[in-house]
Amino acid sequence: MSKKANYSYVGIAFIILLFGIIFVPKIVDRLSNEDVVRDDESRSTGISTETEAKPSNLAFIYSGTDIRKVPEFSFTNQHGNTITNQDYLGKVYVVEFFFTTCPTICPRMNRNLVEIQNHFAEFENFGVAAFTINPDFDTPEVLKKYAVDYGITNPNWNLMTGNQDEIYRLANTGFNLYTAEVQDAEGGFEHSGNFALIDKNGFIRSRLDDYGNPLIYYNGIVSETEGEDEDGIPQEITKLKEDIAKLLKE
């Protein structure tokens, strides 16, 4: 073999050695810091991973094998407009049943909802669906005054009235939120003090309790300021706020 060929091999060996000295440590460093992008991760999805909404981990509610969704409804709001469940699609909202002359839990529930309304004032896709269980008295005019008195300003907060049988069916069957006309009760009616939380697609959602079961509803009576009621039942308005925020990001 000629000296010229030997020089060529020496030159190649020197280049390989130099490559190893310069680049191999960098590759090892990237691997150790998990900085190497896999082929499937490098494909563009058209969505920024920094702004993509993360799953909220809030549970869906089931009736048998069916996911529970808000039933179809159509009622008249405080402005005399017809409001249906379709008007709430694309919005996260809270459902309540109440009546304007309620002397017990309704004022507390609606003060809590007003506080939630103010907390999410910047979100155009947050709302409240409130159904009166005393529609004979609670006309649109009465509901409009009630909204003013309580400081209800969210344009997606509809106080709705209509056929009493349909409202009671929506409450008791559609949401499983107890509602009844009881002459001996204060104000003449009884109803649940819970709120239901609805996602943008009209599904009832809830966080899980410590045992992995859906909370389903949120206590709407006890305020954050109170902390708990006289029976030691804790407030759930903070949980509701947190879960509304999660659904708004979905």
C-alpha atoms as a PDB file:
ATOM      1  CA  MET A   1       0.000   0.000   0.000  1.00  0.00           C
ATOM      2  CA  SER A   2       1.296   3.433  -0.906  1.00  0.00           C
ATOM      3  CA  LYS A   3       2.124   6.123   1.576  1.00  0.00           C
ATOM      4  CA  LYS A   4      -0.520   8.277  -0.120  1.00  0.00           C
ATOM      5  CA  ALA A   5      -3.226   5.718   0.704  1.00  0.00           C
ATOM      6  CA  ASN A   6      -2.025   5.550   4.321  1.00  0.00           C
ATOM      7  CA  TYR A   7      -2.326   9.296   4.613  1.00  0.00           C
ATOM      8  CA  SER A   8      -5.911   9.088   3.285  1.00  0.00           C
ATOM      9  CA  TYR A   9      -6.916   6.519   5.927  1.00  0.00           C
ATOM     10  CA  VAL A  10      -5.297   8.586   8.623  1.00  0.00           C
ATOM     11  CA  GLY A  11      -7.224  11.627   7.457  1.00  0.00           C
ATOM     12  CA  ILE A  12     -10.540   9.758   7.487  1.00  0.00           C
ATOM     13  CA  ALA A  13      -9.843   8.362  10.934  1.00  0.00           C
ATOM     14  CA  PHE A  14      -9.042  11.846  12.190  1.00  0.00           C
ATOM     15  CA  ILE A  15     -12.352  13.216  10.839  1.00  0.00           C
ATOM     16  CA  ILE A  16     -14.347  10.391  12.499  1.00  0.00           C
ATOM     17  CA  LEU A  17     -12.561  11.002  15.793  1.00  0.00           C
ATOM     18  CA  LEU A  18     -13.252  14.731  15.557  1.00  0.00           C
ATOM     19  CA  PHE A  19     -16.971  14.071  14.847  1.00  0.00           C
ATOM     20  CA  GLY A  20     -17.159  11.859  17.900  1.00  0.00           C
ATOM     21  CA  ILE A  21     -15.507  14.397  20.133  1.00  0.00           C
ATOM     22  CA  ILE A  22     -17.767  17.268  19.006  1.00  0.00           C
ATOM     23  CA  PHE A  23     -21.201  15.751  18.271  1.00  0.00           C
ATOM     24  CA  VAL A  24     -21.608  12.534  20.283  1.00  0.00           C
ATOM     25  CA  PRO A  25     -21.684  14.353  23.684  1.00  0.00           C
ATOM     26  CA  LYS A  26     -24.378  16.700  22.329  1.00  0.00           C
ATOM     27  CA  ILE A  27     -26.534  13.785  21.173  1.00  0.00           C
ATOM     28  CA  VAL A  28     -26.135  12.050  24.539  1.00  0.00           C
ATOM     29  CA  ASP A  29     -27.079  15.278  26.317  1.00  0.00           C
ATOM     30  CA  ARG A  30     -30.246  15.645  24.251  1.00  0.00           C
ATOM     31  CA  LEU A  31     -31.237  12.043  24.945  1.00  0.00           C
ATOM     32  CA  SER A  32     -30.630  12.402  28.677  1.00  0.00           C
ATOM     33  CA  ASN A  33     -32.830  15.509  28.736  1.00  0.00           C
ATOM     34  CA  GLU A  34     -35.545  13.827  26.604  1.00  0.00           C
ATOM     35  CA  ASP A  35     -35.102  16.564  24.035  1.00  0.00           C
ATOM     36  CA  VAL A  36     -35.382  14.317  20.988  1.00  0.00           C
ATOM     37  CA  VAL A  37     -38.688  14.720  19.105  1.00  0.00           C
ATOM     38  CA  ARG A  38     -40.310  11.522  17.920  1.00  0.00           C
ATOM     39  CA  ASP A  39     -41.534  11.337  14.353  1.00  0.00           C
ATOM     40  CA  ASP A  40     -45.207  11.207  15.331  1.00  0.00           C
ATOM     41  CA  GLU A  41     -44.783  14.158  17.709  1.00  0.00           C
ATOM     42  CA  SER A  42     -43.232  16.295  14.986  1.00  0.00           C
ATOM     43  CA  ARG A  43     -46.248  16.093  12.702  1.00  0.00           C
ATOM     44  CA  SER A  44     -48.294  19.287  12.766  1.00  0.00           C
ATOM     45  CA  THR A  45     -51.859  18.979  14.092  1.00  0.00           C
ATOM     46  CA  GLY A  46     -52.789  22.581  13.379  1.00  0.00           C
ATOM     47  CA  ILE A  47     -53.336  23.196  17.114  1.00  0.00           C
ATOM     48  CA  SER A  48     -50.819  24.776  19.438  1.00  0.00           C
ATOM     49  CA  THR A  49     -50.067  22.489  22.363  1.00  0.00           C
ATOM     50  CA  GLU A  50     -49.793  25.563  24.562  1.00  0.00           C
ATOM     51  CA  THR A  51     -53.341  26.757  23.863  1.00  0.00           C
ATOM     52  CA  GLU A  52     -55.091  23.421  23.321  1.00  0.00           C
ATOM     53  CA  ALA A  53     -57.816  22.870  25.916  1.00  0.00           C
ATOM     54  CA  LYS A  54     -56.979  20.094  28.351  1.00  0.00           C
ATOM     55  CA  PRO A  55     -59.671  17.566  29.412  1.00  0.00           C
ATOM     56  CA  SER A  56     -61.409  18.746  32.570  1.00  0.00           C
ATOM     57  CA  ASN A  57     -61.733  15.264  34.119  1.00  0.00           C
ATOM     58  CA  LEU A  58     -65.278  16.154  35.146  1.00  0.00           C
ATOM     59  CA  ALA A  59     -67.573  13.145  35.030  1.00  0.00           C
ATOM     60  CA  PHE A  60     -70.584  12.632  32.809  1.00  0.00           C
ATOM     61  CA  ILE A  61     -73.766  11.496  34.549  1.00  0.00           C
ATOM     62  CA  TYR A  62     -75.413   8.279  33.412  1.00  0.00           C
ATOM     63  CA  SER A  63     -78.954   6.913  33.484  1.00  0.00           C
ATOM     64  CA  GLY A  64     -78.329   3.254  32.824  1.00  0.00           C
ATOM     65  CA  THR A  65     -76.068   3.263  29.786  1.00  0.00           C
ATOM     66  CA  ASP A  66     -77.193   6.672  28.528  1.00  0.00           C
ATOM     67  CA  ILE A  67     -75.279   9.861  29.259  1.00  0.00           C
ATOM     68  CA  ARG A  68     -77.671  12.356  30.789  1.00  0.00           C
ATOM     69  CA  LYS A  69     -78.262  15.448  28.716  1.00  0.00           C
ATOM     70  CA  VAL A  70     -80.462  18.497  29.285  1.00  0.00           C
ATOM     71  CA  PRO A  71     -83.940  17.628  27.947  1.00  0.00           C
ATOM     72  CA  GLU A  72     -85.507  19.813  25.311  1.00  0.00           C
ATOM     73  CA  PHE A  73     -87.373  22.776  26.765  1.00  0.00           C
ATOM     74  CA  SER A  74     -89.019  25.969  25.563  1.00  0.00           C
ATOM     75  CA  PHE A  75     -90.121  28.718  27.950  1.00  0.00           C
ATOM     76  CA  THR A  76     -90.493  32.496  28.144  1.00  0.00           C
ATOM     77  CA  ASN A  77     -87.828  34.591  29.829  1.00  0.00           C
ATOM     78  CA  GLN A  78     -87.958  37.864  31.773  1.00  0.00           C
ATOM     79  CA  HIS A  79     -87.829  39.853  28.524  1.00  0.00           C
ATOM     80  CA  GLY A  80     -90.755  38.024  26.944  1.00  0.00           C
ATOM     81  CA  ASN A  81     -88.490  36.037  24.588  1.00  0.00           C
ATOM     82  CA  THR A  82     -88.770  32.325  23.909  1.00  0.00           C
ATOM     83  CA  ILE A  83     -85.713  30.477  25.213  1.00  0.00           C
ATOM     84  CA  THR A  84     -84.923  26.842  24.417  1.00  0.00           C
ATOM     85  CA  ASN A  85     -82.135  24.433  25.300  1.00  0.00           C
ATOM     86  CA  GLN A  86     -80.656  25.171  21.871  1.00  0.00           C
ATOM     87  CA  ASP A  87     -79.928  28.747  22.968  1.00  0.00           C
ATOM     88  CA  TYR A  88     -77.444  27.382  25.518  1.00  0.00           C
ATOM     89  CA  LEU A  89     -75.402  25.228  23.156  1.00  0.00           C
ATOM     90  CA  GLY A  90     -71.793  26.434  23.162  1.00  0.00           C
ATOM     91  CA  LYS A  91     -72.226  27.810  26.688  1.00  0.00           C
ATOM     92  CA  VAL A  92     -71.349  26.506  30.135  1.00  0.00           C
ATOM     93  CA  TYR A  93     -74.270  27.153  32.462  1.00  0.00           C
ATOM     94  CA  VAL A  94     -75.857  26.485  35.822  1.00  0.00           C
ATOM     95  CA  VAL A  95     -79.450  25.293  36.234  1.00  0.00           C
ATOM     96  CA  GLU A  96     -81.669  26.139  39.190  1.00  0.00           C
ATOM     97  CA  PHE A  97     -85.359  25.932  40.111  1.00  0.00           C
ATOM     98  CA  PHE A  98     -86.759  28.746  42.266  1.00  0.00           C
ATOM     99  CA  PHE A  99     -89.678  31.155  42.696  1.00  0.00           C
ATOM    100  CA  THR A 100     -89.649  34.876  43.331  1.00  0.00           C
ATOM    101  CA  THR A 101     -91.762  34.835  46.512  1.00  0.00           C
ATOM    102  CA  CYS A 102     -89.678  32.095  48.141  1.00  0.00           C
ATOM    103  CA  PRO A 103     -89.067  33.123  51.776  1.00  0.00           C
ATOM    104  CA  THR A 104     -86.368  30.553  52.545  1.00  0.00           C
ATOM    105  CA  ILE A 105     -83.604  29.178  50.316  1.00  0.00           C
ATOM    106  CA  CYS A 106     -84.144  30.999  46.989  1.00  0.00           C
ATOM    107  CA  PRO A 107     -82.682  34.351  48.082  1.00  0.00           C
ATOM    108  CA  ARG A 108     -79.555  32.575  49.305  1.00  0.00           C
ATOM    109  CA  MET A 109     -79.261  30.522  46.111  1.00  0.00           C
ATOM    110  CA  ASN A 110     -79.603  33.536  43.866  1.00  0.00           C
ATOM    111  CA  ARG A 111     -77.171  35.654  45.856  1.00  0.00           C
ATOM    112  CA  ASN A 112     -74.656  32.852  45.355  1.00  0.00           C
ATOM    113  CA  LEU A 113     -75.440  32.752  41.635  1.00  0.00           C
ATOM    114  CA  VAL A 114     -74.984  36.509  41.354  1.00  0.00           C
ATOM    115  CA  GLU A 115     -71.579  36.133  43.008  1.00  0.00           C
ATOM    116  CA  ILE A 116     -70.724  33.420  40.452  1.00  0.00           C
ATOM    117  CA  GLN A 117     -72.061  35.648  37.663  1.00  0.00           C
ATOM    118  CA  ASN A 118     -69.723  38.440  38.740  1.00  0.00           C
ATOM    119  CA  HIS A 119     -66.793  36.048  39.059  1.00  0.00           C
ATOM    120  CA  PHE A 120     -67.194  35.022  35.394  1.00  0.00           C
ATOM    121  CA  ALA A 121     -68.244  38.435  34.103  1.00  0.00           C
ATOM    122  CA  GLU A 122     -65.635  38.398  31.337  1.00  0.00           C
ATOM    123  CA  PHE A 123     -66.886  35.138  29.823  1.00  0.00           C
ATOM    124  CA  GLU A 124     -69.524  35.581  27.128  1.00  0.00           C
ATOM    125  CA  ASN A 125     -70.131  31.817  27.020  1.00  0.00           C
ATOM    126  CA  PHE A 126     -71.216  31.467  30.660  1.00  0.00           C
ATOM    127  CA  GLY A 127     -74.865  31.592  31.675  1.00  0.00           C
ATOM    128  CA  VAL A 128     -77.629  30.547  34.056  1.00  0.00           C
ATOM    129  CA  ALA A 129     -80.946  28.844  33.325  1.00  0.00           C
ATOM    130  CA  ALA A 130     -83.405  29.577  36.141  1.00  0.00           C
ATOM    131  CA  PHE A 131     -86.919  28.096  36.035  1.00  0.00           C
ATOM    132  CA  THR A 132     -89.696  29.372  38.269  1.00  0.00           C
ATOM    133  CA  ILE A 133     -91.843  26.709  39.929  1.00  0.00           C
ATOM    134  CA  ASN A 134     -94.637  29.259  40.475  1.00  0.00           C
ATOM    135  CA  PRO A 135     -95.318  30.350  36.891  1.00  0.00           C
ATOM    136  CA  ASP A 136     -98.855  31.560  37.581  1.00  0.00           C
ATOM    137  CA  PHE A 137     -97.439  34.382  39.696  1.00  0.00           C
ATOM    138  CA  ASP A 138     -93.994  34.721  38.145  1.00  0.00           C
ATOM    139  CA  THR A 139     -94.811  36.442  34.868  1.00  0.00           C
ATOM    140  CA  PRO A 140     -92.069  37.906  32.652  1.00  0.00           C
ATOM    141  CA  GLU A 141     -92.706  41.292  34.258  1.00  0.00           C
ATOM    142  CA  VAL A 142     -92.280  39.869  37.771  1.00  0.00           C
ATOM    143  CA  LEU A 143     -89.142  38.002  36.730  1.00  0.00           C
ATOM    144  CA  LYS A 144     -87.689  41.136  35.138  1.00  0.00           C
ATOM    145  CA  LYS A 145     -88.130  43.114  38.351  1.00  0.00           C
ATOM    146  CA  TYR A 146     -86.613  40.246  40.323  1.00  0.00           C
ATOM    147  CA  ALA A 147     -83.573  40.301  38.025  1.00  0.00           C
ATOM    148  CA  VAL A 148     -83.119  44.015  38.625  1.00  0.00           C
ATOM    149  CA  ASP A 149     -83.536  43.662  42.390  1.00  0.00           C
ATOM    150  CA  TYR A 150     -80.865  40.943  42.587  1.00  0.00           C
ATOM    151  CA  GLY A 151     -78.387  42.569  40.232  1.00  0.00           C
ATOM    152  CA  ILE A 152     -78.719  39.975  37.487  1.00  0.00           C
ATOM    153  CA  THR A 153     -76.863  41.432  34.507  1.00  0.00           C
ATOM    154  CA  ASN A 154     -75.534  38.427  32.587  1.00  0.00           C
ATOM    155  CA  PRO A 155     -77.336  38.389  29.190  1.00  0.00           C
ATOM    156  CA  ASN A 156     -77.215  34.583  29.268  1.00  0.00           C
ATOM    157  CA  TRP A 157     -79.059  34.423  32.600  1.00  0.00           C
ATOM    158  CA  ASN A 158     -82.652  33.648  31.680  1.00  0.00           C
ATOM    159  CA  LEU A 159     -85.352  33.513  34.338  1.00  0.00           C
ATOM    160  CA  MET A 160     -88.029  31.417  32.682  1.00  0.00           C
ATOM    161  CA  THR A 161     -91.734  30.858  33.130  1.00  0.00           C
ATOM    162  CA  GLY A 162     -94.291  28.742  31.317  1.00  0.00           C
ATOM    163  CA  ASN A 163     -96.531  25.722  31.755  1.00  0.00           C
ATOM    164  CA  GLN A 164     -96.239  24.469  35.322  1.00  0.00           C
ATOM    165  CA  ASP A 165     -96.563  20.770  34.429  1.00  0.00           C
ATOM    166  CA  GLU A 166     -93.752  21.079  31.886  1.00  0.00           C
ATOM    167  CA  ILE A 167     -91.508  22.871  34.380  1.00  0.00           C
ATOM    168  CA  TYR A 168     -92.160  20.264  37.068  1.00  0.00           C
ATOM    169  CA  ARG A 169     -91.491  17.457  34.592  1.00  0.00           C
ATOM    170  CA  LEU A 170     -88.223  19.139  33.605  1.00  0.00           C
ATOM    171  CA  ALA A 171     -87.199  19.427  37.268  1.00  0.00           C
ATOM    172  CA  ASN A 172     -88.315  16.069  38.633  1.00  0.00           C
ATOM    173  CA  THR A 173     -87.743  13.837  35.614  1.00  0.00           C
ATOM    174  CA  GLY A 174     -85.268  15.739  33.466  1.00  0.00           C
ATOM    175  CA  PHE A 175     -82.888  16.752  36.251  1.00  0.00           C
ATOM    176  CA  ASN A 176     -84.074  14.687  39.227  1.00  0.00           C
ATOM    177  CA  LEU A 177     -84.210  17.915  41.207  1.00  0.00           C
ATOM    178  CA  TYR A 178     -87.180  17.729  43.575  1.00  0.00           C
ATOM    179  CA  THR A 179     -89.967  20.251  42.983  1.00  0.00           C
ATOM    180  CA  ALA A 180     -93.517  20.217  44.360  1.00  0.00           C
ATOM    181  CA  GLU A 181     -96.431  22.441  45.259  1.00  0.00           C
ATOM    182  CA  VAL A 182     -97.032  21.937  48.982  1.00  0.00           C
ATOM    183  CA  GLN A 183     -99.671  24.105  50.610  1.00  0.00           C
ATOM    184  CA  ASP A 184     -98.279  23.692  54.133  1.00  0.00           C
ATOM    185  CA  ALA A 185     -94.719  24.610  53.079  1.00  0.00           C
ATOM    186  CA  GLU A 186     -93.374  28.124  53.560  1.00  0.00           C
ATOM    187  CA  GLY A 187     -94.286  30.011  50.405  1.00  0.00           C
ATOM    188  CA  GLY A 188     -96.487  27.109  49.226  1.00  0.00           C
ATOM    189  CA  PHE A 189     -93.732  25.206  47.378  1.00  0.00           C
ATOM    190  CA  GLU A 190     -90.831  22.873  48.063  1.00  0.00           C
ATOM    191  CA  HIS A 191     -87.798  22.405  45.848  1.00  0.00           C
ATOM    192  CA  SER A 192     -84.186  21.319  45.801  1.00  0.00           C
ATOM    193  CA  GLY A 193     -81.496  23.797  46.783  1.00  0.00           C
ATOM    194  CA  ASN A 194     -78.985  22.217  44.422  1.00  0.00           C
ATOM    195  CA  PHE A 195     -77.493  23.499  41.179  1.00  0.00           C
ATOM    196  CA  ALA A 196     -76.798  21.425  38.075  1.00  0.00           C
ATOM    197  CA  LEU A 197     -73.746  22.176  35.927  1.00  0.00           C
ATOM    198  CA  ILE A 198     -74.073  21.856  32.137  1.00  0.00           C
ATOM    199  CA  ASP A 199     -71.264  21.767  29.583  1.00  0.00           C
ATOM    200  CA  LYS A 200     -71.148  23.385  26.131  1.00  0.00           C
ATOM    201  CA  ASN A 201     -72.752  20.350  24.496  1.00  0.00           C
ATOM    202  CA  GLY A 202     -75.686  20.185  26.890  1.00  0.00           C
ATOM    203  CA  PHE A 203     -74.409  17.326  29.078  1.00  0.00           C
ATOM    204  CA  ILE A 204     -74.761  17.343  32.861  1.00  0.00           C
ATOM    205  CA  ARG A 205     -71.272  17.258  34.381  1.00  0.00           C
ATOM    206  CA  SER A 206     -69.851  16.849  37.852  1.00  0.00           C
ATOM    207  CA  ARG A 207     -66.625  16.264  39.758  1.00  0.00           C
ATOM    208  CA  LEU A 208     -66.083  12.991  41.605  1.00  0.00           C
ATOM    209  CA  ASP A 209     -66.244  12.608  45.370  1.00  0.00           C
ATOM    210  CA  ASP A 210     -63.546  10.991  47.501  1.00  0.00           C
ATOM    211  CA  TYR A 211     -64.911   7.545  46.624  1.00  0.00           C
ATOM    212  CA  GLY A 212     -64.890   8.076  42.864  1.00  0.00           C
ATOM    213  CA  ASN A 213     -68.622   8.691  42.551  1.00  0.00           C
ATOM    214  CA  PRO A 214     -70.068  11.718  40.713  1.00  0.00           C
ATOM    215  CA  LEU A 215     -71.083  14.552  42.999  1.00  0.00           C
ATOM    216  CA  ILE A 216     -73.889  15.134  40.419  1.00  0.00           C
ATOM    217  CA  TYR A 217     -75.183  18.392  41.954  1.00  0.00           C
ATOM    218  CA  TYR A 218     -73.746  21.313  43.901  1.00  0.00           C
ATOM    219  CA  ASN A 219     -75.224  22.709  47.094  1.00  0.00           C
ATOM    220  CA  GLY A 220     -76.464  26.158  46.113  1.00  0.00           C
ATOM    221  CA  ILE A 221     -77.599  27.372  49.515  1.00  0.00           C
ATOM    222  CA  VAL A 222     -74.468  27.803  51.607  1.00  0.00           C
ATOM    223  CA  SER A 223     -72.207  30.686  50.575  1.00  0.00           C
ATOM    224  CA  GLU A 224     -68.427  30.791  50.476  1.00  0.00           C
ATOM    225  CA  THR A 225     -68.491  33.376  53.256  1.00  0.00           C
ATOM    226  CA  GLU A 226     -70.582  31.137  55.523  1.00  0.00           C
ATOM    227  CA  GLY A 227     -68.325  28.153  54.936  1.00  0.00           C
ATOM    228  CA  GLU A 228     -70.903  25.717  56.276  1.00  0.00           C
ATOM    229  CA  ASP A 229     -74.483  25.781  57.484  1.00  0.00           C
ATOM    230  CA  GLU A 230     -75.844  25.230  60.983  1.00  0.00           C
ATOM    231  CA  ASP A 231     -75.806  21.468  60.404  1.00  0.00           C
ATOM    232  CA  GLY A 232     -72.148  21.461  59.403  1.00  0.00           C
ATOM    233  CA  ILE A 233     -72.832  20.963  55.693  1.00  0.00           C
ATOM    234  CA  PRO A 234     -69.941  22.649  53.813  1.00  0.00           C
ATOM    235  CA  GLN A 235     -70.365  25.157  51.024  1.00  0.00           C
ATOM    236  CA  GLU A 236     -69.827  23.934  47.447  1.00  0.00           C
ATOM    237  CA  ILE A 237     -69.775  27.261  45.617  1.00  0.00           C
ATOM    238  CA  THR A 238     -65.980  27.139  45.443  1.00  0.00           C
ATOM    239  CA  LYS A 239     -66.123  23.691  43.831  1.00  0.00           C
ATOM    240  CA  LEU A 240     -68.740  24.932  41.384  1.00  0.00           C
ATOM    241  CA  LYS A 241     -66.586  27.906  40.397  1.00  0.00           C
ATOM    242  CA  GLU A 242     -63.589  25.656  39.853  1.00  0.00           C
ATOM    243  CA  ASP A 243     -65.582  23.257  37.690  1.00  0.00           C
ATOM    244  CA  ILE A 244     -67.191  26.028  35.639  1.00  0.00           C
ATOM    245  CA  ALA A 245     -63.681  27.296  34.894  1.00  0.00           C
ATOM    246  CA  LYS A 246     -62.628  23.807  33.786  1.00  0.00           C
ATOM    247  CA  LEU A 247     -65.575  23.433  31.411  1.00  0.00           C
ATOM    248  CA  LEU A 248     -65.002  26.888  29.941  1.00  0.00           C
ATOM    249  CA  LYS A 249     -61.557  25.662  28.849  1.00  0.00           C
ATOM    250  CA  GLU A 250     -62.920  22.541  27.126  1.00  0.00           C
END
